Protein backbone atom coordinates (compact mmCIF):
# COMPACT_ATOMS: atom_id res chain seq x y z
CA MET A 1 84.68 101.45 50.52
CA LEU A 2 86.00 104.33 52.54
CA ALA A 3 82.79 104.73 54.51
CA ARG A 4 83.28 100.94 55.67
CA ALA A 5 86.82 101.48 56.46
CA GLY A 6 85.86 104.39 58.66
CA ILE A 7 83.29 102.40 60.57
CA PHE A 8 85.71 99.55 61.28
CA THR A 9 88.36 102.09 62.36
CA PHE A 10 86.09 103.31 65.14
CA LEU A 11 84.74 99.91 66.36
CA PRO A 12 87.76 99.28 68.85
CA LEU A 13 87.37 102.87 70.16
CA LEU A 14 83.56 102.25 70.57
CA ALA A 15 84.50 99.10 72.67
CA VAL A 16 86.91 100.97 74.81
CA LEU A 17 84.39 103.64 75.50
CA ALA A 18 81.71 100.97 76.34
CA SER A 19 83.89 99.44 78.86
CA CYS A 20 84.21 102.83 80.95
CA GLY A 21 80.63 102.79 81.87
CA PRO A 22 79.42 101.72 85.49
CA VAL A 23 79.61 98.42 86.55
CA PRO A 24 76.87 96.38 88.37
CA LEU A 25 76.45 97.36 92.06
CA GLU A 26 77.31 93.88 93.44
CA GLN A 27 80.53 93.81 91.33
CA ALA A 28 81.53 97.26 92.62
CA GLU A 29 81.04 96.24 96.20
CA ARG A 30 83.06 92.99 95.75
CA THR A 31 85.86 95.12 94.08
CA CYS A 32 85.90 97.86 96.44
CA LEU A 33 86.60 95.60 99.64
CA ARG A 34 90.10 95.46 98.49
CA ASP A 35 90.33 99.36 98.52
CA ALA A 36 88.79 99.43 101.91
CA ASP A 37 91.41 96.67 103.14
CA LEU A 38 94.25 98.54 101.80
CA ALA A 39 93.05 101.73 103.47
CA GLN A 40 93.00 99.86 106.77
CA ARG A 41 96.37 98.29 106.52
CA PRO A 42 99.24 97.58 104.05
CA ARG A 43 99.50 94.24 102.33
CA GLY A 44 102.63 92.38 101.63
CA SER A 45 104.47 89.03 101.25
CA ILE A 46 107.92 87.70 101.74
CA ALA A 47 109.41 84.54 99.84
CA ILE A 48 112.68 82.95 100.68
CA GLY A 49 114.01 79.88 98.90
CA GLY A 50 116.94 78.02 97.58
CA GLY A 51 117.87 75.65 95.00
CA SER A 52 120.70 74.48 92.83
CA GLY A 53 121.08 78.05 91.59
CA GLY A 54 121.52 79.51 95.13
CA ALA A 55 119.39 81.18 97.62
CA PHE A 56 116.85 83.90 96.59
CA GLY A 57 114.37 86.21 98.34
CA ARG A 58 111.65 88.58 97.41
CA ILE A 59 109.63 91.13 99.37
CA GLU A 60 106.57 92.90 98.04
CA MET A 61 104.61 95.68 99.85
CA GLU A 62 101.56 97.33 98.81
CA VAL A 63 100.47 100.74 100.44
CA SER A 64 97.61 102.89 99.32
CA ASP A 65 97.27 106.51 99.54
CA ASP A 66 94.17 106.05 101.62
CA TYR A 67 96.23 104.35 104.35
CA LEU A 68 98.98 106.97 104.31
CA MET A 69 96.25 109.83 104.54
CA ARG A 70 94.52 107.71 107.44
CA ARG A 71 91.22 107.75 105.63
CA ASP A 72 88.39 105.80 107.07
CA PRO A 73 87.87 102.39 105.31
CA SER A 74 84.26 102.75 105.27
CA ASP A 75 84.38 106.24 103.52
CA VAL A 76 86.96 104.68 101.02
CA TYR A 77 84.61 101.87 100.41
CA ASN A 78 81.57 104.13 99.83
CA ARG A 79 83.33 106.47 97.54
CA CYS A 80 84.70 103.59 95.51
CA VAL A 81 81.26 101.79 95.07
CA LEU A 82 79.66 105.20 94.09
CA SER A 83 82.35 106.09 91.40
CA ARG A 84 82.29 102.54 89.94
CA SER A 85 78.51 101.78 89.87
CA GLY A 86 76.84 105.23 90.31
CA GLN A 87 75.08 104.08 93.44
CA MET A 88 75.63 103.93 97.12
CA PRO A 89 76.45 100.42 98.57
CA THR A 90 73.43 98.28 99.57
CA ARG A 91 74.94 97.55 103.06
CA PRO A 92 77.78 99.29 105.04
CA LEU A 93 81.15 97.94 104.89
CA ASP A 94 81.08 96.26 108.33
CA ASP A 95 78.18 94.05 106.96
CA GLN A 96 79.84 93.05 103.85
CA LEU A 97 80.62 89.39 103.43
CA GLY A 98 84.39 88.94 103.26
CA TRP A 99 85.13 92.23 105.13
CA ARG A 100 88.07 91.54 107.65
CA GLY A 101 87.54 94.72 109.59
């Protein structure tokens, strides 16, 4: 009985460790576009509204370390894809579909 309990105790740990592995290259390329975009410019939004409860406002701003350090978005993209997938991107950042460079 103890041996079975020990195995079941480690199953969640094994699931977490399995999720730390590399992701498929195409998925890494899609995910890393956001990192490259944040290296090029900050992202933000402003919301203003009103209702029966009165007026409200909200400001959100996202600034990456890569932007503050003035890193090249192409380098950020390449490093991100390599670290997530273990492979270099199939195409340069400027050729990626969805890049707003």
